[in-house]
Amino acid sequence: MDPGGATYITKAYWIDRSGVKSISIYPNKSAKGWTKEKAFAELKNNFSHYYDWKNETSLEKQFNCHARPIPPYTGKIPWNIEPSKKATSVITCN
């Protein structure tokens, strides 16, 4: 993603974590009008054309978990979401 064109996400890119594809996301929660829905829509717009964009329901669930403002929110950035995940832990969001 081009950080210059991002509104709700500062930057995001594909990474490989021990053979597992992941999108590493740096949210821009200070952006005017930021919501998890708008931020995920921006991510989808920029990444859904990639071969590795699969299991969108799980990606969105992981993203929403990271974006929540309430405990057990970890505050960890970047948010790494994996298309291969079948379930999402409410503690780790992965």
PDB file of N, CA and C in Angstrom:
ATOM      1  N   MET A   1       0.840  -1.171   0.000  1.00  0.00           N
ATOM      2  CA  MET A   1       0.000   0.000   0.000  1.00  0.00           C
ATOM      3  C   MET A   1       0.885   1.233   0.000  1.00  0.00           C
ATOM      4  N   ASP A   2       0.471   2.238  -0.716  1.00  0.00           N
ATOM      5  CA  ASP A   2       1.226   3.483  -0.773  1.00  0.00           C
ATOM      6  C   ASP A   2       0.833   4.359   0.413  1.00  0.00           C
ATOM      7  N   PRO A   3       1.741   4.569   1.373  1.00  0.00           N
ATOM      8  CA  PRO A   3       1.396   5.370   2.542  1.00  0.00           C
ATOM      9  C   PRO A   3       0.898   6.763   2.188  1.00  0.00           C
ATOM     10  N   GLY A   4       1.343   7.326   1.067  1.00  0.00           N
ATOM     11  CA  GLY A   4       0.891   8.647   0.662  1.00  0.00           C
ATOM     12  C   GLY A   4      -0.573   8.682   0.298  1.00  0.00           C
ATOM     13  N   GLY A   5      -1.129   7.549  -0.161  1.00  0.00           N
ATOM     14  CA  GLY A   5      -2.521   7.499  -0.565  1.00  0.00           C
ATOM     15  C   GLY A   5      -3.440   6.940   0.508  1.00  0.00           C
ATOM     16  N   ALA A   6      -2.875   6.443   1.602  1.00  0.00           N
ATOM     17  CA  ALA A   6      -3.678   5.829   2.648  1.00  0.00           C
ATOM     18  C   ALA A   6      -4.405   6.883   3.476  1.00  0.00           C
ATOM     19  N   THR A   7      -5.596   6.548   3.905  1.00  0.00           N
ATOM     20  CA  THR A   7      -6.364   7.429   4.763  1.00  0.00           C
ATOM     21  C   THR A   7      -6.469   6.841   6.160  1.00  0.00           C
ATOM     22  N   TYR A   8      -6.954   5.614   6.244  1.00  0.00           N
ATOM     23  CA  TYR A   8      -7.212   4.987   7.532  1.00  0.00           C
ATOM     24  C   TYR A   8      -6.116   4.015   7.947  1.00  0.00           C
ATOM     25  N   ILE A   9      -5.241   3.691   7.015  1.00  0.00           N
ATOM     26  CA  ILE A   9      -4.124   2.792   7.284  1.00  0.00           C
ATOM     27  C   ILE A   9      -2.856   3.488   6.802  1.00  0.00           C
ATOM     28  N   THR A  10      -1.893   3.647   7.689  1.00  0.00           N
ATOM     29  CA  THR A  10      -0.645   4.319   7.342  1.00  0.00           C
ATOM     30  C   THR A  10       0.144   3.505   6.334  1.00  0.00           C
ATOM     31  N   LYS A  11       0.278   2.207   6.614  1.00  0.00           N
ATOM     32  CA  LYS A  11       0.926   1.311   5.672  1.00  0.00           C
ATOM     33  C   LYS A  11       0.495  -0.116   5.968  1.00  0.00           C
ATOM     34  N   ALA A  12       0.606  -0.957   4.957  1.00  0.00           N
ATOM     35  CA  ALA A  12       0.291  -2.373   5.097  1.00  0.00           C
ATOM     36  C   ALA A  12       1.000  -3.109   3.970  1.00  0.00           C
ATOM     37  N   TYR A  13       1.440  -4.303   4.259  1.00  0.00           N
ATOM     38  CA  TYR A  13       2.133  -5.093   3.243  1.00  0.00           C
ATOM     39  C   TYR A  13       2.107  -6.564   3.632  1.00  0.00           C
ATOM     40  N   TRP A  14       2.277  -7.411   2.621  1.00  0.00           N
ATOM     41  CA  TRP A  14       2.343  -8.850   2.841  1.00  0.00           C
ATOM     42  C   TRP A  14       3.688  -9.200   3.453  1.00  0.00           C
ATOM     43  N   ILE A  15       3.661 -10.122   4.415  1.00  0.00           N
ATOM     44  CA  ILE A  15       4.889 -10.663   4.981  1.00  0.00           C
ATOM     45  C   ILE A  15       4.767 -12.183   5.040  1.00  0.00           C
ATOM     46  N   ASP A  16       5.871 -12.830   5.237  1.00  0.00           N
ATOM     47  CA  ASP A  16       5.912 -14.280   5.415  1.00  0.00           C
ATOM     48  C   ASP A  16       6.419 -14.529   6.822  1.00  0.00           C
ATOM     49  N   ARG A  17       5.600 -15.178   7.631  1.00  0.00           N
ATOM     50  CA  ARG A  17       5.972 -15.485   9.021  1.00  0.00           C
ATOM     51  C   ARG A  17       6.101 -16.993   9.167  1.00  0.00           C
ATOM     52  N   SER A  18       7.319 -17.475   9.037  1.00  0.00           N
ATOM     53  CA  SER A  18       7.594 -18.914   9.136  1.00  0.00           C
ATOM     54  C   SER A  18       6.729 -19.717   8.173  1.00  0.00           C
ATOM     55  N   GLY A  19       6.635 -19.241   6.940  1.00  0.00           N
ATOM     56  CA  GLY A  19       5.875 -19.939   5.908  1.00  0.00           C
ATOM     57  C   GLY A  19       4.395 -19.609   5.875  1.00  0.00           C
ATOM     58  N   VAL A  20       3.947 -18.718   6.737  1.00  0.00           N
ATOM     59  CA  VAL A  20       2.535 -18.324   6.783  1.00  0.00           C
ATOM     60  C   VAL A  20       2.415 -16.900   6.255  1.00  0.00           C
ATOM     61  N   LYS A  21       1.585 -16.712   5.225  1.00  0.00           N
ATOM     62  CA  LYS A  21       1.343 -15.390   4.663  1.00  0.00           C
ATOM     63  C   LYS A  21       0.506 -14.564   5.633  1.00  0.00           C
ATOM     64  N   SER A  22       0.859 -13.302   5.750  1.00  0.00           N
ATOM     65  CA  SER A  22       0.178 -12.399   6.666  1.00  0.00           C
ATOM     66  C   SER A  22       0.201 -10.993   6.075  1.00  0.00           C
ATOM     67  N   ILE A  23      -0.822 -10.202   6.397  1.00  0.00           N
ATOM     68  CA  ILE A  23      -0.796  -8.783   6.058  1.00  0.00           C
ATOM     69  C   ILE A  23      -0.435  -8.054   7.341  1.00  0.00           C
ATOM     70  N   SER A  24       0.630  -7.289   7.278  1.00  0.00           N
ATOM     71  CA  SER A  24       1.094  -6.510   8.421  1.00  0.00           C
ATOM     72  C   SER A  24       0.525  -5.096   8.263  1.00  0.00           C
ATOM     73  N   ILE A  25      -0.273  -4.663   9.235  1.00  0.00           N
ATOM     74  CA  ILE A  25      -1.065  -3.436   9.112  1.00  0.00           C
ATOM     75  C   ILE A  25      -0.689  -2.427  10.191  1.00  0.00           C
ATOM     76  N   TYR A  26      -0.478  -1.195   9.756  1.00  0.00           N
ATOM     77  CA  TYR A  26      -0.215  -0.074  10.654  1.00  0.00           C
ATOM     78  C   TYR A  26      -1.402   0.886  10.527  1.00  0.00           C
ATOM     79  N   PRO A  27      -2.356   0.825  11.473  1.00  0.00           N
ATOM     80  CA  PRO A  27      -3.549   1.665  11.370  1.00  0.00           C
ATOM     81  C   PRO A  27      -3.249   3.131  11.644  1.00  0.00           C
ATOM     82  N   ASN A  28      -4.082   3.987  11.084  1.00  0.00           N
ATOM     83  CA  ASN A  28      -3.994   5.425  11.322  1.00  0.00           C
ATOM     84  C   ASN A  28      -5.268   5.845  12.039  1.00  0.00           C
ATOM     85  N   LYS A  29      -5.379   5.461  13.312  1.00  0.00           N
ATOM     86  CA  LYS A  29      -6.603   5.729  14.072  1.00  0.00           C
ATOM     87  C   LYS A  29      -6.837   7.211  14.328  1.00  0.00           C
ATOM     88  N   SER A  30      -5.840   8.038  14.051  1.00  0.00           N
ATOM     89  CA  SER A  30      -6.037   9.475  14.226  1.00  0.00           C
ATOM     90  C   SER A  30      -6.635  10.119  12.975  1.00  0.00           C
ATOM     91  N   ALA A  31      -6.843   9.333  11.916  1.00  0.00           N
ATOM     92  CA  ALA A  31      -7.447   9.860  10.692  1.00  0.00           C
ATOM     93  C   ALA A  31      -8.891  10.285  10.976  1.00  0.00           C
ATOM     94  N   LYS A  32      -9.282  11.392  10.398  1.00  0.00           N
ATOM     95  CA  LYS A  32     -10.634  11.912  10.598  1.00  0.00           C
ATOM     96  C   LYS A  32     -11.659  10.877  10.126  1.00  0.00           C
ATOM     97  N   GLY A  33     -12.611  10.571  10.974  1.00  0.00           N
ATOM     98  CA  GLY A  33     -13.677   9.642  10.623  1.00  0.00           C
ATOM     99  C   GLY A  33     -13.294   8.179  10.677  1.00  0.00           C
ATOM    100  N   TRP A  34     -12.164   7.831  11.319  1.00  0.00           N
ATOM    101  CA  TRP A  34     -11.699   6.456  11.358  1.00  0.00           C
ATOM    102  C   TRP A  34     -12.721   5.552  12.023  1.00  0.00           C
ATOM    103  N   THR A  35     -13.052   4.475  11.343  1.00  0.00           N
ATOM    104  CA  THR A  35     -13.836   3.385  11.931  1.00  0.00           C
ATOM    105  C   THR A  35     -13.211   2.099  11.432  1.00  0.00           C
ATOM    106  N   LYS A  36     -13.434   1.009  12.150  1.00  0.00           N
ATOM    107  CA  LYS A  36     -12.873  -0.267  11.704  1.00  0.00           C
ATOM    108  C   LYS A  36     -13.484  -0.687  10.375  1.00  0.00           C
ATOM    109  N   GLU A  37     -14.738  -0.317  10.144  1.00  0.00           N
ATOM    110  CA  GLU A  37     -15.386  -0.666   8.879  1.00  0.00           C
ATOM    111  C   GLU A  37     -14.725   0.058   7.698  1.00  0.00           C
ATOM    112  N   LYS A  38     -14.483   1.356   7.871  1.00  0.00           N
ATOM    113  CA  LYS A  38     -13.834   2.133   6.803  1.00  0.00           C
ATOM    114  C   LYS A  38     -12.400   1.667   6.586  1.00  0.00           C
ATOM    115  N   ALA A  39     -11.701   1.379   7.673  1.00  0.00           N
ATOM    116  CA  ALA A  39     -10.309   0.938   7.556  1.00  0.00           C
ATOM    117  C   ALA A  39     -10.229  -0.422   6.875  1.00  0.00           C
ATOM    118  N   PHE A  40     -11.133  -1.350   7.222  1.00  0.00           N
ATOM    119  CA  PHE A  40     -11.101  -2.661   6.563  1.00  0.00           C
ATOM    120  C   PHE A  40     -11.477  -2.524   5.095  1.00  0.00           C
ATOM    121  N   ALA A  41     -12.425  -1.659   4.778  1.00  0.00           N
ATOM    122  CA  ALA A  41     -12.802  -1.433   3.377  1.00  0.00           C
ATOM    123  C   ALA A  41     -11.604  -0.914   2.587  1.00  0.00           C
ATOM    124  N   GLU A  42     -10.810  -0.024   3.192  1.00  0.00           N
ATOM    125  CA  GLU A  42      -9.606   0.478   2.529  1.00  0.00           C
ATOM    126  C   GLU A  42      -8.597  -0.649   2.317  1.00  0.00           C
ATOM    127  N   LEU A  43      -8.409  -1.481   3.342  1.00  0.00           N
ATOM    128  CA  LEU A  43      -7.496  -2.617   3.227  1.00  0.00           C
ATOM    129  C   LEU A  43      -7.961  -3.550   2.112  1.00  0.00           C
ATOM    130  N   LYS A  44      -9.241  -3.873   2.100  1.00  0.00           N
ATOM    131  CA  LYS A  44      -9.808  -4.760   1.078  1.00  0.00           C
ATOM    132  C   LYS A  44      -9.614  -4.168  -0.310  1.00  0.00           C
ATOM    133  N   ASN A  45      -9.866  -2.886  -0.442  1.00  0.00           N
ATOM    134  CA  ASN A  45      -9.710  -2.225  -1.736  1.00  0.00           C
ATOM    135  C   ASN A  45      -8.275  -2.340  -2.260  1.00  0.00           C
ATOM    136  N   ASN A  46      -7.312  -2.303  -1.354  1.00  0.00           N
ATOM    137  CA  ASN A  46      -5.908  -2.334  -1.751  1.00  0.00           C
ATOM    138  C   ASN A  46      -5.302  -3.733  -1.815  1.00  0.00           C
ATOM    139  N   PHE A  47      -5.940  -4.731  -1.203  1.00  0.00           N
ATOM    140  CA  PHE A  47      -5.325  -6.053  -1.119  1.00  0.00           C
ATOM    141  C   PHE A  47      -6.147  -7.198  -1.699  1.00  0.00           C
ATOM    142  N   SER A  48      -7.430  -7.017  -1.935  1.00  0.00           N
ATOM    143  CA  SER A  48      -8.266  -8.149  -2.363  1.00  0.00           C
ATOM    144  C   SER A  48      -7.915  -8.684  -3.747  1.00  0.00           C
ATOM    145  N   HIS A  49      -7.163  -7.941  -4.529  1.00  0.00           N
ATOM    146  CA  HIS A  49      -6.771  -8.426  -5.861  1.00  0.00           C
ATOM    147  C   HIS A  49      -5.544  -9.353  -5.803  1.00  0.00           C
ATOM    148  N   TYR A  50      -4.908  -9.474  -4.646  1.00  0.00           N
ATOM    149  CA  TYR A  50      -3.749 -10.353  -4.502  1.00  0.00           C
ATOM    150  C   TYR A  50      -4.192 -11.805  -4.375  1.00  0.00           C
ATOM    151  N   TYR A  51      -3.370 -12.700  -4.909  1.00  0.00           N
ATOM    152  CA  TYR A  51      -3.636 -14.136  -4.852  1.00  0.00           C
ATOM    153  C   TYR A  51      -3.838 -14.607  -3.414  1.00  0.00           C
ATOM    154  N   ASP A  52      -3.063 -14.082  -2.489  1.00  0.00           N
ATOM    155  CA  ASP A  52      -3.107 -14.548  -1.104  1.00  0.00           C
ATOM    156  C   ASP A  52      -4.290 -14.010  -0.299  1.00  0.00           C
ATOM    157  N   TRP A  53      -5.077 -13.106  -0.874  1.00  0.00           N
ATOM    158  CA  TRP A  53      -6.273 -12.604  -0.176  1.00  0.00           C
ATOM    159  C   TRP A  53      -7.327 -13.702  -0.250  1.00  0.00           C
ATOM    160  N   LYS A  54      -7.449 -14.468   0.817  1.00  0.00           N
ATOM    161  CA  LYS A  54      -8.395 -15.580   0.898  1.00  0.00           C
ATOM    162  C   LYS A  54      -9.044 -15.539   2.273  1.00  0.00           C
ATOM    163  N   ASN A  55     -10.144 -16.259   2.408  1.00  0.00           N
ATOM    164  CA  ASN A  55     -10.797 -16.384   3.707  1.00  0.00           C
ATOM    165  C   ASN A  55     -11.113 -15.005   4.295  1.00  0.00           C
ATOM    166  N   GLU A  56     -11.785 -14.188   3.505  1.00  0.00           N
ATOM    167  CA  GLU A  56     -12.054 -12.798   3.890  1.00  0.00           C
ATOM    168  C   GLU A  56     -12.796 -12.667   5.215  1.00  0.00           C
ATOM    169  N   THR A  57     -13.673 -13.599   5.511  1.00  0.00           N
ATOM    170  CA  THR A  57     -14.410 -13.541   6.771  1.00  0.00           C
ATOM    171  C   THR A  57     -13.450 -13.604   7.957  1.00  0.00           C
ATOM    172  N   SER A  58     -12.472 -14.495   7.880  1.00  0.00           N
ATOM    173  CA  SER A  58     -11.478 -14.600   8.946  1.00  0.00           C
ATOM    174  C   SER A  58     -10.590 -13.359   9.003  1.00  0.00           C
ATOM    175  N   LEU A  59     -10.185 -12.841   7.841  1.00  0.00           N
ATOM    176  CA  LEU A  59      -9.374 -11.622   7.813  1.00  0.00           C
ATOM    177  C   LEU A  59     -10.109 -10.474   8.497  1.00  0.00           C
ATOM    178  N   GLU A  60     -11.373 -10.330   8.171  1.00  0.00           N
ATOM    179  CA  GLU A  60     -12.153  -9.240   8.763  1.00  0.00           C
ATOM    180  C   GLU A  60     -12.338  -9.440  10.268  1.00  0.00           C
ATOM    181  N   LYS A  61     -12.551 -10.681  10.685  1.00  0.00           N
ATOM    182  CA  LYS A  61     -12.712 -10.965  12.107  1.00  0.00           C
ATOM    183  C   LYS A  61     -11.426 -10.635  12.873  1.00  0.00           C
ATOM    184  N   GLN A  62     -10.275 -11.022  12.333  1.00  0.00           N
ATOM    185  CA  GLN A  62      -8.993 -10.710  12.969  1.00  0.00           C
ATOM    186  C   GLN A  62      -8.775  -9.196  13.016  1.00  0.00           C
ATOM    187  N   PHE A  63      -9.069  -8.526  11.892  1.00  0.00           N
ATOM    188  CA  PHE A  63      -8.910  -7.076  11.818  1.00  0.00           C
ATOM    189  C   PHE A  63      -9.767  -6.386  12.871  1.00  0.00           C
ATOM    190  N   ASN A  64     -11.049  -6.772  12.948  1.00  0.00           N
ATOM    191  CA  ASN A  64     -11.966  -6.160  13.909  1.00  0.00           C
ATOM    192  C   ASN A  64     -11.531  -6.410  15.346  1.00  0.00           C
ATOM    193  N   CYS A  65     -10.969  -7.568  15.597  1.00  0.00           N
ATOM    194  CA  CYS A  65     -10.463  -7.881  16.934  1.00  0.00           C
ATOM    195  C   CYS A  65      -9.331  -6.920  17.291  1.00  0.00           C
ATOM    196  N   HIS A  66      -8.384  -6.741  16.380  1.00  0.00           N
ATOM    197  CA  HIS A  66      -7.279  -5.812  16.636  1.00  0.00           C
ATOM    198  C   HIS A  66      -7.783  -4.375  16.809  1.00  0.00           C
ATOM    199  N   ALA A  67      -8.830  -4.016  16.100  1.00  0.00           N
ATOM    200  CA  ALA A  67      -9.323  -2.633  16.090  1.00  0.00           C
ATOM    201  C   ALA A  67     -10.191  -2.279  17.290  1.00  0.00           C
ATOM    202  N   ARG A  68     -10.576  -3.243  18.072  1.00  0.00           N
ATOM    203  CA  ARG A  68     -11.479  -2.947  19.204  1.00  0.00           C
ATOM    204  C   ARG A  68     -10.789  -2.072  20.247  1.00  0.00           C
ATOM    205  N   PRO A  69     -11.529  -1.169  20.835  1.00  0.00           N
ATOM    206  CA  PRO A  69     -10.939  -0.247  21.822  1.00  0.00           C
ATOM    207  C   PRO A  69     -11.036  -0.742  23.266  1.00  0.00           C
ATOM    208  N   ILE A  70     -11.594  -1.953  23.455  1.00  0.00           N
ATOM    209  CA  ILE A  70     -11.817  -2.432  24.822  1.00  0.00           C
ATOM    210  C   ILE A  70     -10.947  -3.647  25.135  1.00  0.00           C
ATOM    211  N   PRO A  71     -10.700  -3.933  26.397  1.00  0.00           N
ATOM    212  CA  PRO A  71      -9.919  -5.115  26.769  1.00  0.00           C
ATOM    213  C   PRO A  71     -10.571  -6.377  26.217  1.00  0.00           C
ATOM    214  N   PRO A  72      -9.807  -7.360  25.839  1.00  0.00           N
ATOM    215  CA  PRO A  72      -8.372  -7.461  26.069  1.00  0.00           C
ATOM    216  C   PRO A  72      -7.516  -6.852  24.961  1.00  0.00           C
ATOM    217  N   TYR A  73      -7.875  -5.694  24.443  1.00  0.00           N
ATOM    218  CA  TYR A  73      -7.087  -5.007  23.422  1.00  0.00           C
ATOM    219  C   TYR A  73      -5.630  -4.925  23.864  1.00  0.00           C
ATOM    220  N   THR A  74      -4.741  -5.358  22.992  1.00  0.00           N
ATOM    221  CA  THR A  74      -3.323  -5.421  23.362  1.00  0.00           C
ATOM    222  C   THR A  74      -2.572  -4.142  23.037  1.00  0.00           C
ATOM    223  N   GLY A  75      -3.068  -3.333  22.122  1.00  0.00           N
ATOM    224  CA  GLY A  75      -2.364  -2.130  21.712  1.00  0.00           C
ATOM    225  C   GLY A  75      -1.177  -2.423  20.804  1.00  0.00           C
ATOM    226  N   LYS A  76      -0.997  -3.673  20.445  1.00  0.00           N
ATOM    227  CA  LYS A  76       0.124  -4.096  19.618  1.00  0.00           C
ATOM    228  C   LYS A  76      -0.035  -3.602  18.182  1.00  0.00           C
ATOM    229  N   ILE A  77       1.019  -3.026  17.654  1.00  0.00           N
ATOM    230  CA  ILE A  77       1.068  -2.635  16.247  1.00  0.00           C
ATOM    231  C   ILE A  77       2.419  -3.099  15.739  1.00  0.00           C
ATOM    232  N   PRO A  78       2.487  -3.738  14.601  1.00  0.00           N
ATOM    233  CA  PRO A  78       1.441  -3.862  13.599  1.00  0.00           C
ATOM    234  C   PRO A  78       0.428  -4.945  13.951  1.00  0.00           C
ATOM    235  N   TRP A  79      -0.705  -4.853  13.270  1.00  0.00           N
ATOM    236  CA  TRP A  79      -1.700  -5.907  13.333  1.00  0.00           C
ATOM    237  C   TRP A  79      -1.351  -6.865  12.213  1.00  0.00           C
ATOM    238  N   ASN A  80      -1.143  -8.131  12.542  1.00  0.00           N
ATOM    239  CA  ASN A  80      -0.845  -9.130  11.520  1.00  0.00           C
ATOM    240  C   ASN A  80      -2.036 -10.062  11.409  1.00  0.00           C
ATOM    241  N   ILE A  81      -2.619 -10.100  10.221  1.00  0.00           N
ATOM    242  CA  ILE A  81      -3.777 -10.964   9.993  1.00  0.00           C
ATOM    243  C   ILE A  81      -3.415 -11.984   8.917  1.00  0.00           C
ATOM    244  N   GLU A  82      -3.838 -13.227   9.142  1.00  0.00           N
ATOM    245  CA  GLU A  82      -3.467 -14.331   8.269  1.00  0.00           C
ATOM    246  C   GLU A  82      -4.686 -14.942   7.594  1.00  0.00           C
ATOM    247  N   PRO A  83      -4.660 -15.054   6.261  1.00  0.00           N
ATOM    248  CA  PRO A  83      -5.762 -15.680   5.549  1.00  0.00           C
ATOM    249  C   PRO A  83      -5.942 -17.156   5.900  1.00  0.00           C
ATOM    250  N   SER A  84      -4.901 -17.798   6.384  1.00  0.00           N
ATOM    251  CA  SER A  84      -4.976 -19.230   6.683  1.00  0.00           C
ATOM    252  C   SER A  84      -5.683 -19.532   8.005  1.00  0.00           C
ATOM    253  N   LYS A  85      -5.929 -18.533   8.824  1.00  0.00           N
ATOM    254  CA  LYS A  85      -6.551 -18.761  10.135  1.00  0.00           C
ATOM    255  C   LYS A  85      -8.012 -19.164   9.970  1.00  0.00           C
ATOM    256  N   LYS A  86      -8.389 -20.233  10.661  1.00  0.00           N
ATOM    257  CA  LYS A  86      -9.774 -20.711  10.619  1.00  0.00           C
ATOM    258  C   LYS A  86     -10.571 -20.178  11.808  1.00  0.00           C
ATOM    259  N   ALA A  87      -9.866 -19.807  12.893  1.00  0.00           N
ATOM    260  CA  ALA A  87     -10.505 -19.287  14.095  1.00  0.00           C
ATOM    261  C   ALA A  87      -9.667 -18.126  14.623  1.00  0.00           C
ATOM    262  N   THR A  88     -10.310 -17.248  15.390  1.00  0.00           N
ATOM    263  CA  THR A  88      -9.634 -16.077  15.928  1.00  0.00           C
ATOM    264  C   THR A  88      -9.715 -16.084  17.452  1.00  0.00           C
ATOM    265  N   SER A  89      -8.557 -16.004  18.102  1.00  0.00           N
ATOM    266  CA  SER A  89      -8.508 -15.920  19.556  1.00  0.00           C
ATOM    267  C   SER A  89      -8.881 -14.510  19.987  1.00  0.00           C
ATOM    268  N   VAL A  90      -9.763 -14.385  20.967  1.00  0.00           N
ATOM    269  CA  VAL A  90     -10.148 -13.053  21.454  1.00  0.00           C
ATOM    270  C   VAL A  90      -9.033 -12.414  22.264  1.00  0.00           C
ATOM    271  N   ILE A  91      -8.039 -13.179  22.645  1.00  0.00           N
ATOM    272  CA  ILE A  91      -6.908 -12.650  23.400  1.00  0.00           C
ATOM    273  C   ILE A  91      -5.840 -12.090  22.453  1.00  0.00           C
ATOM    274  N   THR A  92      -5.431 -12.883  21.467  1.00  0.00           N
ATOM    275  CA  THR A  92      -4.340 -12.483  20.576  1.00  0.00           C
ATOM    276  C   THR A  92      -4.826 -11.895  19.249  1.00  0.00           C
ATOM    277  N   CYS A  93      -6.104 -12.094  18.944  1.00  0.00           N
ATOM    278  CA  CYS A  93      -6.724 -11.652  17.678  1.00  0.00           C
ATOM    279  C   CYS A  93      -6.202 -12.445  16.465  1.00  0.00           C
ATOM    280  N   ASN A  94      -5.490 -13.505  16.708  1.00  0.00           N
ATOM    281  CA  ASN A  94      -5.005 -14.367  15.610  1.00  0.00           C
ATOM    282  C   ASN A  94      -5.398 -15.809  15.879  1.00  0.00           C
TER     283      ASN A  94
END
